[in-house]
Amino acid sequence: MAELLLGPLLRYVDGSSATFWVEANRPCTAEVRLADGAHGEARTFQVAGHHYALVPVDGLTPGTVSAYEVLLDDVAVWPLPDSSFPPSVVRTPDGQDAVRVTFGSCRWAAPPADEKDPVGPDALDTLARRVAATPDGERPDVLLLLGDQVYADEVSDATRAWLTARRSLADPPGSQVADYEEYTRLYYESWLDPEVRWLLSTVPSCMIFDDHDVIDDWNTSAAWVADIRATVWWRERLLSGLMSYWVHQHLGNLSPRELAEDALYAAVRETPDGTDVLRGFAAQSDADPASVRWSYRRDFGRVRVLMVDTRAARVLAEDERAMLDPGEAGWLREQALDAPGSFDHLLIGTSLPWLLPHLVHDAEAWDAALCRGERGARWAGFGEKLRRGADLEHWAAFPASFDALAGLLAEAGTGPDAPATVCVLSGDVHHAYVAEPAWPEGTPGPDARVLQLTCSPVHNSIPLYIRLGFRFGWSAAGRAIGRRLARHGGCARPAVSWRRTGGPWFGNQLMTLTLQGRSARLRLEQARTGWSVGGGNGDRNSGKNGSGSGNDGRNGGRSNGRNVGARLRTVAESELSS
């Protein structure tokens, strides 16, 4: 009998259609039935011995809420029979209501319920418990997960034990994941967390990768790529990372129309085993990054979201460095300027912040100049070591791209049909803040309010050096040091100046934008312990490394006892509209 291993994840939703992602333990037909009578089905496809389906459902009615169930070969497998969570539902927009966009990045999988969480409560777990406690109350219309959904290079103790039972950790890459099967373990560990599993089944999600989805510093420089390609384990790691990302994250980002037109998706589904087809695609993505587009666009009523790949789309030659290759930059420009007047808010999701603390920005621009050879070969070697050691690889490390994005944001935000807000949404840096750019005196600024909104981590460590370093980076003393570094590197002034208007905030946290008409409101919430929010009881079994069906520990439907008493606390709230 077919059993549900992972999912369902509610991914794409518009006024008339939705898609649902599932993994089963064998080939089967996956079907989704909504209480209002709508339904859809899809045959599973196979990759590396795993069986997946992305089920499209059409004929939905705008502005409705409908519970659904999942069946495999006509046998109901979702909701789980012992679930204490409310029914999973599909909420279709009607184009009139407010759009709530919740975003963040950097999530370690939470430990089992009987283990102390070393980094505090998981913000996604805590959000799930709040939504479950008040199923008819406020909830996000979409989750934007801005990178590091899994950590291929920093595995948990439980996953390390699982790897030890599978192979010798004395062989490279040691306790990091090595192949596709090991990547699937990361997704099981992360997405079978009962709260997160239920949340992803009932709130649509958009995802994009960052470095830890593959490895820390992924594509930081041409020299880094040359060094890692010389290792014996890298090719399998990279191809497996791209393959698993395509299966678990990328496919669900696409609309039903885009899926129907996707030649790779068709090829994988049409062959009995799509492993070789998908592996060939991953190899092409590595050999010719400009031939593959991971970025995508989603429209939510009058809110446009552009999720931008800032990892695989880079140009790394030192004399041509760019955050986005020409094709990707052209795509971003086209989407940001398409049909002016048809959207009130433009959100650009990029895992890496555009505006950073001033000292950090200047240090990255200075380091980029050193690596280009502006101060000679000796300084260039030092710059490359510093770039890798200090993760100096954000937009500031690609000065021409930084300025080009500033120009695009100004252009998109200018004119009689300009949106009310243009926001860059980012994560990565393990704290949250709001920054606002200003264009040089004498240069017409945009009509829209332009903002950098940064929020991370969802669930990760925040060492003291991060807190102190970023606080100092925003300070007047930090800015003065940054200017000295910029002068040493002969760096040109950036196209905009900016100031921090909120934060920095440190903690496991999420930001939510509430957008209605031309108004925009921002709320930052942190996961804190000390108050029960309901949403079920019971414990979470540590069975995630096994295999089985809907009632085993890995797929348990009970609420996670580890975070009972945690809640999301609002620590900042502000009106953003211009």
Protein backbone atom coordinates (compact mmCIF):
# COMPACT_ATOMS: atom_id res chain seq x y z
CA MET A 1 0.00 0.00 0.00
CA ALA A 2 1.24 3.48 -0.85
CA GLU A 3 2.17 5.56 2.19
CA LEU A 4 2.80 9.29 2.62
CA LEU A 5 6.44 9.94 3.56
CA LEU A 6 6.63 13.73 3.34
CA GLY A 7 4.15 16.53 2.84
CA PRO A 8 1.70 17.61 1.78
CA LEU A 9 3.09 21.06 1.10
CA LEU A 10 0.63 23.63 -0.21
CA ARG A 11 2.80 25.59 -2.63
CA TYR A 12 1.16 27.73 -5.31
CA VAL A 13 -2.27 29.31 -4.74
CA ASP A 14 -4.19 31.88 -6.78
CA GLY A 15 -7.87 32.65 -7.13
CA SER A 16 -8.68 29.53 -9.14
CA SER A 17 -5.84 26.99 -8.74
CA ALA A 18 -3.38 25.45 -6.29
CA THR A 19 -0.54 22.92 -6.28
CA PHE A 20 0.30 20.34 -3.60
CA TRP A 21 3.67 18.58 -3.22
CA VAL A 22 3.96 15.08 -1.71
CA GLU A 23 6.44 12.23 -1.40
CA ALA A 24 5.18 8.64 -1.29
CA ASN A 25 6.99 5.40 -0.53
CA ARG A 26 6.18 3.78 -3.90
CA PRO A 27 4.79 4.65 -7.35
CA CYS A 28 1.14 5.65 -7.07
CA THR A 29 -1.47 8.20 -8.05
CA ALA A 30 -1.70 11.14 -5.67
CA GLU A 31 -5.05 12.91 -5.43
CA VAL A 32 -6.16 16.03 -3.58
CA ARG A 33 -9.87 16.45 -2.82
CA LEU A 34 -11.27 19.70 -1.50
CA ALA A 35 -14.42 19.89 0.58
CA ASP A 36 -16.01 22.16 -2.03
CA GLY A 37 -15.76 19.41 -4.64
CA ALA A 38 -12.63 20.55 -6.51
CA HIS A 39 -9.97 17.88 -6.99
CA GLY A 40 -6.84 17.02 -8.92
CA GLU A 41 -4.49 14.10 -9.32
CA ALA A 42 -1.02 13.29 -10.61
CA ARG A 43 1.08 10.18 -11.04
CA THR A 44 4.28 10.12 -9.00
CA PHE A 45 7.64 10.52 -10.72
CA GLN A 46 10.85 8.84 -9.54
CA VAL A 47 14.22 10.37 -8.66
CA ALA A 48 16.97 8.31 -7.00
CA GLY A 49 14.51 5.74 -5.69
CA HIS A 50 12.11 8.36 -4.25
CA HIS A 51 8.59 8.98 -5.50
CA TYR A 52 7.15 12.48 -5.72
CA ALA A 53 4.07 14.18 -7.09
CA LEU A 54 3.03 17.76 -7.60
CA VAL A 55 -0.75 17.75 -7.76
CA PRO A 56 -2.51 20.66 -9.51
CA VAL A 57 -6.10 21.51 -8.58
CA ASP A 58 -8.14 23.85 -10.79
CA GLY A 59 -11.64 25.22 -10.59
CA LEU A 60 -11.29 26.89 -7.20
CA THR A 61 -13.54 29.79 -6.24
CA PRO A 62 -11.89 33.11 -5.33
CA GLY A 63 -12.33 34.28 -1.76
CA THR A 64 -13.15 30.87 -0.27
CA VAL A 65 -11.67 28.57 2.36
CA SER A 66 -11.86 24.82 1.80
CA ALA A 67 -10.44 21.89 3.78
CA TYR A 68 -8.74 19.17 1.78
CA GLU A 69 -7.56 15.60 2.03
CA VAL A 70 -4.78 13.71 0.24
CA LEU A 71 -5.24 10.20 -1.15
CA LEU A 72 -2.67 7.78 -2.54
CA ASP A 73 -4.22 5.16 -4.83
CA ASP A 74 -7.65 6.10 -3.43
CA VAL A 75 -6.60 5.62 0.20
CA ALA A 76 -6.78 8.70 2.44
CA VAL A 77 -3.38 9.53 3.98
CA TRP A 78 -3.89 13.14 5.06
CA PRO A 79 -4.96 14.43 7.55
CA LEU A 80 -3.14 11.94 9.74
CA PRO A 81 -5.57 9.87 11.80
CA ASP A 82 -4.12 10.93 15.17
CA SER A 83 -3.56 14.58 14.30
CA SER A 84 -4.48 17.19 16.89
CA PHE A 85 -4.10 20.00 14.37
CA PRO A 86 -7.05 21.67 12.63
CA PRO A 87 -7.83 20.57 9.07
CA SER A 88 -5.44 21.78 6.38
CA VAL A 89 -7.20 24.30 4.17
CA VAL A 90 -6.77 26.21 0.93
CA ARG A 91 -7.62 29.91 1.10
CA THR A 92 -8.06 31.48 -2.31
CA PRO A 93 -7.58 35.26 -2.62
CA ASP A 94 -10.31 37.48 -4.01
CA GLY A 95 -8.03 40.40 -4.89
CA GLN A 96 -9.64 42.73 -2.33
CA ASP A 97 -8.32 41.55 1.03
CA ALA A 98 -5.01 42.48 2.57
CA VAL A 99 -2.01 40.34 1.57
CA ARG A 100 0.13 39.16 4.49
CA VAL A 101 3.67 38.17 3.50
CA THR A 102 5.72 36.52 6.25
CA PHE A 103 9.43 36.02 5.57
CA GLY A 104 12.71 34.92 7.08
CA SER A 105 15.70 32.65 6.47
CA CYS A 106 18.24 30.38 8.10
CA ARG A 107 16.47 27.51 9.83
CA TRP A 108 18.18 24.63 11.55
CA ALA A 109 15.81 21.73 12.01
CA ALA A 110 14.49 21.74 15.57
CA PRO A 111 15.73 18.88 17.81
CA PRO A 112 13.44 16.12 19.11
CA ALA A 113 11.02 17.00 21.90
CA ASP A 114 13.07 15.28 24.58
CA GLU A 115 16.19 17.34 23.77
CA LYS A 116 16.85 20.89 24.89
CA ASP A 117 16.90 23.32 22.01
CA PRO A 118 20.31 25.04 22.20
CA VAL A 119 19.21 28.07 20.17
CA GLY A 120 15.76 28.68 21.63
CA PRO A 121 12.29 28.17 20.17
CA ASP A 122 11.84 27.83 16.42
CA ALA A 123 9.93 30.80 14.97
CA LEU A 124 8.18 28.61 12.36
CA ASP A 125 7.15 26.09 15.01
CA THR A 126 5.80 28.92 17.13
CA LEU A 127 3.95 30.51 14.22
CA ALA A 128 2.35 27.13 13.47
CA ARG A 129 1.14 26.77 17.05
CA ARG A 130 -0.44 30.22 16.98
CA VAL A 131 -2.21 29.59 13.67
CA ALA A 132 -3.39 26.18 14.88
CA ALA A 133 -4.75 27.69 18.10
CA THR A 134 -6.86 30.21 16.15
CA PRO A 135 -7.51 28.58 12.76
CA ASP A 136 -10.03 31.27 11.78
CA GLY A 137 -7.74 34.09 12.86
CA GLU A 138 -4.97 36.00 11.13
CA ARG A 139 -2.46 33.91 9.20
CA PRO A 140 0.09 34.58 6.46
CA ASP A 141 -1.12 34.46 2.88
CA VAL A 142 2.35 33.27 1.87
CA LEU A 143 5.63 32.31 3.51
CA LEU A 144 8.76 33.56 1.75
CA LEU A 145 11.65 31.33 2.84
CA LEU A 146 14.75 33.22 1.77
CA GLY A 147 17.46 30.61 1.89
CA ASP A 148 19.15 28.01 4.07
CA GLN A 149 16.03 25.85 4.32
CA VAL A 150 18.44 22.98 5.02
CA TYR A 151 22.07 22.94 6.15
CA ALA A 152 24.10 20.51 4.08
CA ASP A 153 27.31 21.47 5.88
CA GLU A 154 26.10 21.74 9.51
CA VAL A 155 24.11 18.63 10.34
CA SER A 156 22.41 17.78 13.61
CA ASP A 157 23.64 15.15 16.07
CA ALA A 158 20.82 12.84 14.95
CA THR A 159 21.76 13.20 11.29
CA ARG A 160 25.44 12.69 12.09
CA ALA A 161 24.53 9.41 13.80
CA TRP A 162 22.48 8.43 10.75
CA LEU A 163 25.42 9.24 8.44
CA THR A 164 27.74 7.19 10.66
CA ALA A 165 25.50 4.16 10.23
CA ARG A 166 25.52 4.68 6.45
CA ARG A 167 29.22 5.34 5.71
CA SER A 168 32.55 6.19 7.29
CA LEU A 169 32.83 9.81 8.32
CA ALA A 170 36.60 9.50 7.94
CA ASP A 171 36.04 9.86 4.19
CA PRO A 172 35.30 13.29 2.71
CA PRO A 173 33.07 15.19 3.09
CA GLY A 174 32.95 13.76 6.60
CA SER A 175 29.85 14.72 8.56
CA GLN A 176 28.50 16.88 5.76
CA VAL A 177 25.98 15.40 3.34
CA ALA A 178 27.48 13.68 0.31
CA ASP A 179 24.72 12.61 -2.07
CA TYR A 180 21.04 12.81 -2.95
CA GLU A 181 19.92 10.27 -0.37
CA GLU A 182 21.59 12.24 2.38
CA TYR A 183 19.92 15.43 1.17
CA THR A 184 16.54 13.73 1.51
CA ARG A 185 17.40 13.06 5.15
CA LEU A 186 17.75 16.82 5.71
CA TYR A 187 14.28 17.47 4.28
CA TYR A 188 12.75 14.68 6.37
CA GLU A 189 14.34 16.11 9.48
CA SER A 190 13.19 19.65 8.73
CA TRP A 191 9.75 19.18 7.17
CA LEU A 192 8.51 16.32 9.35
CA ASP A 193 8.64 18.52 12.41
CA PRO A 194 4.90 18.20 13.21
CA GLU A 195 4.22 21.94 13.58
CA VAL A 196 6.17 22.86 10.47
CA ARG A 197 4.63 20.00 8.52
CA TRP A 198 1.12 21.20 9.33
CA LEU A 199 2.00 24.86 8.69
CA LEU A 200 3.42 24.09 5.25
CA SER A 201 0.30 22.06 4.46
CA THR A 202 -2.01 25.03 5.00
CA VAL A 203 0.02 28.19 4.20
CA PRO A 204 1.45 28.59 0.66
CA SER A 205 5.21 28.99 0.42
CA CYS A 206 7.82 30.44 -1.93
CA MET A 207 11.44 29.35 -1.54
CA ILE A 208 14.89 30.23 -2.84
CA PHE A 209 18.27 28.76 -1.95
CA ASP A 210 21.28 30.34 -0.28
CA ASP A 211 24.74 28.94 0.36
CA HIS A 212 24.08 26.42 3.15
CA ASP A 213 21.51 24.64 0.97
CA VAL A 214 24.70 23.49 -0.81
CA ILE A 215 27.71 24.65 1.24
CA ASP A 216 28.94 27.73 3.09
CA ASP A 217 30.48 30.32 0.72
CA TRP A 218 28.97 28.63 -2.35
CA ASN A 219 30.22 30.58 -5.39
CA THR A 220 31.95 33.25 -3.35
CA SER A 221 34.69 33.64 -5.99
CA ALA A 222 36.30 32.05 -9.04
CA ALA A 223 39.27 30.97 -6.91
CA TRP A 224 36.92 29.29 -4.42
CA VAL A 225 35.20 27.39 -7.24
CA ALA A 226 38.55 26.22 -8.64
CA ASP A 227 39.68 24.99 -5.24
CA ILE A 228 36.52 23.08 -4.41
CA ARG A 229 36.25 21.51 -7.85
CA ALA A 230 39.64 19.93 -7.18
CA THR A 231 38.19 17.87 -4.32
CA VAL A 232 36.97 14.34 -4.95
CA TRP A 233 33.56 14.82 -3.33
CA TRP A 234 32.37 18.18 -4.63
CA ARG A 235 30.76 17.20 -7.92
CA GLU A 236 28.44 14.64 -6.34
CA ARG A 237 27.60 17.07 -3.55
CA LEU A 238 26.76 19.92 -5.93
CA LEU A 239 24.73 17.85 -8.38
CA SER A 240 22.81 16.23 -5.53
CA GLY A 241 22.16 19.62 -3.95
CA LEU A 242 20.78 21.08 -7.16
CA MET A 243 18.71 17.97 -7.89
CA SER A 244 17.19 17.89 -4.42
CA TYR A 245 16.51 21.63 -4.53
CA TRP A 246 14.69 21.25 -7.85
CA VAL A 247 12.54 18.43 -6.46
CA HIS A 248 11.80 19.74 -2.97
CA GLN A 249 11.77 23.51 -3.41
CA HIS A 250 11.90 24.81 -6.99
CA LEU A 251 9.05 22.85 -8.57
CA GLY A 252 6.54 24.16 -6.06
CA ASN A 253 7.54 27.75 -6.82
CA LEU A 254 6.04 27.46 -10.31
CA SER A 255 2.47 28.12 -11.36
CA PRO A 256 0.40 25.37 -13.04
CA ARG A 257 0.91 27.13 -16.39
CA GLU A 258 4.67 27.27 -15.89
CA LEU A 259 4.72 23.60 -14.90
CA ALA A 260 2.77 22.67 -18.02
CA GLU A 261 5.36 24.47 -20.16
CA ASP A 262 8.44 23.16 -18.33
CA ALA A 263 10.32 20.75 -20.60
CA LEU A 264 12.47 19.35 -17.79
CA TYR A 265 9.44 18.60 -15.62
CA ALA A 266 7.80 16.84 -18.55
CA ALA A 267 10.95 14.81 -19.28
CA VAL A 268 11.34 13.70 -15.65
CA ARG A 269 7.69 12.64 -15.47
CA GLU A 270 7.72 10.80 -18.80
CA THR A 271 10.63 8.49 -17.98
CA PRO A 272 10.32 5.58 -15.53
CA ASP A 273 13.29 6.97 -13.58
CA GLY A 274 14.09 10.66 -13.96
CA THR A 275 17.41 10.51 -12.11
CA ASP A 276 19.66 10.72 -15.16
CA VAL A 277 17.56 13.43 -16.79
CA LEU A 278 17.65 15.56 -13.66
CA ARG A 279 21.32 14.86 -13.07
CA GLY A 280 22.07 16.05 -16.60
CA PHE A 281 20.18 19.26 -15.90
CA ALA A 282 22.14 19.82 -12.67
CA ALA A 283 25.42 19.26 -14.55
CA GLN A 284 24.33 21.80 -17.16
CA SER A 285 23.48 24.27 -14.42
CA ASP A 286 26.99 23.89 -13.02
CA ALA A 287 28.76 24.08 -16.39
CA ASP A 288 26.67 26.93 -17.82
CA PRO A 289 24.83 28.77 -15.01
CA ALA A 290 23.43 31.36 -17.42
CA SER A 291 21.45 28.63 -19.21
CA VAL A 292 19.31 27.93 -16.13
CA ARG A 293 16.96 30.28 -14.29
CA TRP A 294 16.08 29.61 -10.67
CA SER A 295 14.51 33.05 -10.15
CA TYR A 296 10.76 33.43 -10.52
CA ARG A 297 7.84 35.82 -10.20
CA ARG A 298 4.66 35.51 -8.16
CA ASP A 299 1.78 37.98 -8.11
CA PHE A 300 -0.59 38.19 -5.13
CA GLY A 301 -3.33 40.53 -6.24
CA ARG A 302 -1.63 43.90 -6.52
CA VAL A 303 1.55 42.72 -4.82
CA ARG A 304 4.39 41.56 -7.07
CA VAL A 305 7.08 39.26 -5.65
CA LEU A 306 10.33 38.63 -7.52
CA MET A 307 12.45 35.90 -5.95
CA VAL A 308 16.01 36.32 -7.19
CA ASP A 309 18.81 33.74 -7.34
CA THR A 310 21.93 35.40 -5.93
CA ARG A 311 24.03 32.22 -5.71
CA ALA A 312 24.05 30.25 -8.95
CA ALA A 313 23.58 33.27 -11.24
CA ARG A 314 26.82 35.01 -10.29
CA VAL A 315 29.63 36.05 -12.64
CA LEU A 316 32.84 35.32 -10.75
CA ALA A 317 35.73 36.45 -12.98
CA GLU A 318 37.43 39.17 -10.95
CA ASP A 319 37.34 41.73 -13.77
CA GLU A 320 33.67 40.99 -14.53
CA ARG A 321 32.21 40.18 -11.11
CA ALA A 322 28.45 40.51 -10.95
CA MET A 323 25.80 39.26 -8.56
CA LEU A 324 23.60 38.43 -11.57
CA ASP A 325 24.67 37.35 -15.04
CA PRO A 326 23.38 39.54 -17.90
CA GLY A 327 20.43 37.28 -18.62
CA GLU A 328 19.36 37.19 -14.99
CA ALA A 329 19.80 40.95 -14.61
CA GLY A 330 17.72 41.48 -17.74
CA TRP A 331 15.00 39.19 -16.41
CA LEU A 332 14.87 41.09 -13.10
CA ARG A 333 14.62 44.41 -14.90
CA GLU A 334 11.89 43.16 -17.21
CA GLN A 335 9.80 41.79 -14.35
CA ALA A 336 10.24 44.86 -12.13
CA LEU A 337 9.17 47.23 -14.90
CA ASP A 338 6.47 45.07 -16.50
CA ALA A 339 2.93 46.50 -16.61
CA PRO A 340 3.44 49.61 -14.45
CA GLY A 341 0.33 50.54 -12.55
CA SER A 342 -0.76 46.91 -12.20
CA PHE A 343 0.75 46.51 -8.72
CA ASP A 344 0.89 48.66 -5.59
CA HIS A 345 3.89 46.98 -3.95
CA LEU A 346 7.05 45.47 -5.42
CA LEU A 347 8.91 42.94 -3.23
CA ILE A 348 12.31 41.68 -4.34
CA GLY A 349 13.37 38.58 -2.44
CA THR A 350 17.13 38.11 -2.38
CA SER A 351 18.72 35.93 0.27
CA LEU A 352 21.61 38.39 0.65
CA PRO A 353 20.89 41.94 1.88
CA TRP A 354 21.41 44.81 -0.52
CA LEU A 355 21.96 47.41 2.23
CA LEU A 356 24.27 46.34 5.07
CA PRO A 357 25.74 48.05 8.13
CA HIS A 358 28.06 50.72 6.77
CA LEU A 359 31.28 49.19 8.06
CA VAL A 360 30.36 45.80 6.59
CA HIS A 361 29.46 47.36 3.23
CA ASP A 362 32.72 49.29 3.01
CA ALA A 363 34.75 46.26 4.11
CA GLU A 364 33.18 44.17 1.35
CA ALA A 365 33.76 46.84 -1.31
CA TRP A 366 37.35 47.27 -0.10
CA ASP A 367 37.93 43.53 -0.17
CA ALA A 368 36.52 43.31 -3.71
CA ALA A 369 38.99 46.00 -4.79
CA LEU A 370 41.89 44.10 -3.21
CA CYS A 371 40.85 40.88 -4.96
CA ARG A 372 40.73 42.75 -8.29
CA GLY A 373 44.38 43.62 -7.74
CA GLU A 374 43.92 47.34 -7.02
CA ARG A 375 46.69 47.17 -4.39
CA GLY A 376 48.84 44.50 -5.99
CA ALA A 377 49.18 40.71 -5.91
CA ARG A 378 50.05 40.42 -2.22
CA TRP A 379 46.97 42.35 -1.18
CA ALA A 380 44.90 40.32 -3.65
CA GLY A 381 45.91 37.09 -1.92
CA PHE A 382 45.05 38.57 1.45
CA GLY A 383 41.71 39.77 0.09
CA GLU A 384 40.73 36.32 -1.11
CA LYS A 385 41.51 34.76 2.27
CA LEU A 386 39.55 37.50 4.01
CA ARG A 387 36.61 37.14 1.64
CA ARG A 388 36.25 33.45 2.46
CA GLY A 389 36.99 33.74 6.15
CA ALA A 390 34.62 36.65 6.83
CA ASP A 391 31.89 35.83 4.25
CA LEU A 392 32.37 39.11 2.38
CA GLU A 393 30.10 38.24 -0.53
CA HIS A 394 26.91 40.29 -0.34
CA TRP A 395 25.75 42.86 -2.89
CA ALA A 396 28.42 45.24 -1.57
CA ALA A 397 31.09 42.78 -2.75
CA PHE A 398 29.76 43.26 -6.29
CA PRO A 399 29.84 47.08 -6.50
CA ALA A 400 28.56 47.37 -10.06
CA SER A 401 25.63 45.10 -9.21
CA PHE A 402 24.91 47.09 -6.06
CA ASP A 403 24.68 50.30 -8.07
CA ALA A 404 22.66 48.64 -10.84
CA LEU A 405 20.09 47.43 -8.32
CA ALA A 406 19.88 50.93 -6.84
CA GLY A 407 19.15 52.29 -10.31
CA LEU A 408 16.52 49.64 -11.00
CA LEU A 409 14.75 50.27 -7.69
CA ALA A 410 14.65 54.00 -8.41
CA GLU A 411 13.32 53.43 -11.91
CA ALA A 412 10.69 50.95 -10.77
CA GLY A 413 9.59 53.35 -8.03
CA THR A 414 9.32 56.48 -10.17
CA GLY A 415 6.46 57.89 -12.20
CA PRO A 416 2.69 58.29 -12.06
CA ASP A 417 2.16 54.51 -12.02
CA ALA A 418 4.86 53.76 -9.45
CA PRO A 419 4.04 51.40 -6.59
CA ALA A 420 3.69 52.76 -3.08
CA THR A 421 6.61 50.69 -1.79
CA VAL A 422 9.60 48.90 -3.26
CA CYS A 423 11.08 46.54 -0.66
CA VAL A 424 14.16 44.33 -0.80
CA LEU A 425 13.51 41.32 1.46
CA SER A 426 16.58 39.45 2.70
CA GLY A 427 17.97 37.18 5.40
CA ASP A 428 21.38 35.53 5.88
CA VAL A 429 23.00 37.84 8.46
CA HIS A 430 21.38 36.43 11.65
CA HIS A 431 19.74 39.64 12.76
CA ALA A 432 16.91 41.87 11.61
CA TYR A 433 16.82 45.53 10.66
CA VAL A 434 15.19 48.12 8.43
CA ALA A 435 17.34 50.41 6.27
CA GLU A 436 16.25 53.20 3.96
CA PRO A 437 18.32 54.52 1.04
CA ALA A 438 18.68 58.14 -0.05
CA TRP A 439 19.72 59.23 -3.51
CA PRO A 440 22.44 61.89 -3.95
CA GLU A 441 21.47 65.53 -3.70
CA GLY A 442 20.42 66.80 -7.09
CA THR A 443 19.37 63.33 -8.22
CA PRO A 444 15.61 62.77 -8.38
CA GLY A 445 14.70 60.06 -5.91
CA PRO A 446 11.93 57.55 -6.49
CA ASP A 447 8.32 58.37 -5.71
CA ALA A 448 7.86 55.03 -3.95
CA ARG A 449 9.28 54.40 -0.51
CA VAL A 450 12.28 52.09 -0.97
CA LEU A 451 13.36 49.91 1.96
CA GLN A 452 15.73 47.10 2.84
CA LEU A 453 13.94 44.65 5.17
CA THR A 454 16.23 41.98 6.60
CA CYS A 455 15.10 39.14 8.86
CA SER A 456 17.04 36.12 10.08
CA PRO A 457 17.37 33.63 11.58
CA VAL A 458 14.17 31.63 11.83
CA HIS A 459 15.97 29.11 14.04
CA ASN A 460 19.72 29.30 14.40
CA SER A 461 22.56 30.44 16.64
CA ILE A 462 23.33 34.12 17.20
CA PRO A 463 26.83 34.25 18.70
CA LEU A 464 27.96 37.23 20.73
CA TYR A 465 30.44 38.28 18.03
CA ILE A 466 27.57 38.65 15.56
CA ARG A 467 25.64 40.85 17.96
CA LEU A 468 28.63 43.03 18.77
CA GLY A 469 29.95 43.12 15.22
CA PHE A 470 26.73 44.22 13.57
CA ARG A 471 25.92 46.75 16.27
CA PHE A 472 29.38 48.26 15.79
CA GLY A 473 28.94 48.10 12.02
CA TRP A 474 26.02 50.52 12.25
CA SER A 475 27.83 52.90 14.62
CA ALA A 476 29.52 56.20 13.79
CA ALA A 477 32.90 54.70 14.69
CA GLY A 478 32.24 51.74 12.41
CA ARG A 479 31.27 54.07 9.58
CA ALA A 480 34.52 56.03 10.02
CA ILE A 481 36.61 52.85 9.86
CA GLY A 482 34.68 51.76 6.79
CA ARG A 483 35.45 55.02 5.00
CA ARG A 484 39.17 54.52 5.67
CA LEU A 485 39.02 51.03 4.19
CA ALA A 486 37.15 52.32 1.14
CA ARG A 487 39.82 54.98 0.57
CA HIS A 488 42.57 52.39 0.86
CA GLY A 489 40.90 50.32 -1.85
CA GLY A 490 40.18 53.31 -4.08
CA CYS A 491 36.47 52.43 -3.92
CA ALA A 492 33.95 54.69 -5.61
CA ARG A 493 31.10 55.98 -3.50
CA PRO A 494 28.03 53.76 -3.79
CA ALA A 495 25.08 55.05 -5.82
CA VAL A 496 23.02 55.66 -2.66
CA SER A 497 23.55 56.45 0.98
CA TRP A 498 21.34 54.87 3.62
CA ARG A 499 20.39 54.92 7.26
CA ARG A 500 19.11 52.30 9.64
CA THR A 501 15.53 53.09 10.64
CA GLY A 502 14.81 49.97 12.70
CA GLY A 503 16.82 47.45 14.69
CA PRO A 504 19.13 45.72 14.94
CA TRP A 505 17.06 42.94 16.51
CA PHE A 506 18.54 39.59 17.52
CA GLY A 507 16.57 36.38 18.04
CA ASN A 508 14.68 33.63 16.23
CA GLN A 509 12.26 35.79 14.32
CA LEU A 510 9.93 36.47 11.40
CA MET A 511 8.84 39.65 9.66
CA THR A 512 5.34 40.13 8.26
CA LEU A 513 4.29 42.72 5.71
CA THR A 514 0.57 43.48 5.62
CA LEU A 515 -0.24 45.09 2.28
CA GLN A 516 -3.64 46.50 1.38
CA GLY A 517 -4.25 49.06 -1.30
CA ARG A 518 -1.28 51.39 -1.12
CA SER A 519 -0.72 50.91 2.59
CA ALA A 520 2.04 48.73 4.02
CA ARG A 521 2.62 47.76 7.61
CA LEU A 522 5.60 45.85 8.99
CA ARG A 523 5.64 43.66 12.09
CA LEU A 524 8.67 41.87 13.55
CA GLU A 525 7.98 38.97 15.91
CA GLN A 526 10.42 36.89 17.94
CA ALA A 527 9.90 33.41 19.36
CA ARG A 528 9.99 33.60 23.13
CA THR A 529 9.32 31.05 25.88
CA GLY A 530 7.03 31.48 28.84
CA TRP A 531 3.44 31.32 27.55
CA SER A 532 1.34 28.47 26.21
CA VAL A 533 -0.43 29.12 22.93
CA GLY A 534 -2.23 25.78 22.55
CA GLY A 535 -2.37 23.93 19.26
CA GLY A 536 -2.19 20.34 20.44
CA ASN A 537 -0.21 18.24 22.87
CA GLY A 538 1.89 15.13 23.04
CA ASP A 539 5.50 14.63 22.15
CA ARG A 540 7.62 14.29 19.06
CA ASN A 541 9.26 10.93 18.52
CA SER A 542 12.82 10.89 17.33
CA GLY A 543 12.11 8.55 14.46
CA LYS A 544 12.98 10.82 11.59
CA ASN A 545 15.74 8.59 10.27
CA GLY A 546 13.48 5.62 9.77
CA SER A 547 11.07 4.83 6.99
CA GLY A 548 7.38 4.25 7.23
CA SER A 549 3.91 5.63 6.94
CA GLY A 550 1.62 8.18 8.48
CA ASN A 551 1.70 6.85 12.04
CA ASP A 552 5.40 6.33 12.67
CA GLY A 553 7.52 8.71 14.72
CA ARG A 554 8.93 10.44 11.68
CA ASN A 555 5.48 11.40 10.47
CA GLY A 556 3.81 11.96 13.85
CA GLY A 557 0.87 14.34 13.85
CA ARG A 558 1.07 15.39 17.50
CA SER A 559 2.23 18.80 18.49
CA ASN A 560 5.86 19.16 19.49
CA GLY A 561 6.27 19.15 23.26
CA ARG A 562 9.65 20.89 23.04
CA ASN A 563 8.18 24.32 22.31
CA VAL A 564 5.10 24.23 24.52
CA GLY A 565 5.17 27.59 26.28
CA ALA A 566 6.72 29.43 23.33
CA ARG A 567 4.97 32.30 21.62
CA LEU A 568 5.64 34.95 19.02
CA ARG A 569 6.09 38.32 20.64
CA THR A 570 5.82 41.54 18.61
CA VAL A 571 8.96 43.59 19.18
CA ALA A 572 8.49 46.20 16.43
CA GLU A 573 5.65 47.44 14.27
CA SER A 574 5.55 50.38 11.88
CA GLU A 575 3.74 51.92 8.92
CA LEU A 576 5.88 51.83 5.77
CA SER A 577 3.79 53.54 3.12
CA SER A 578 5.19 56.72 1.60
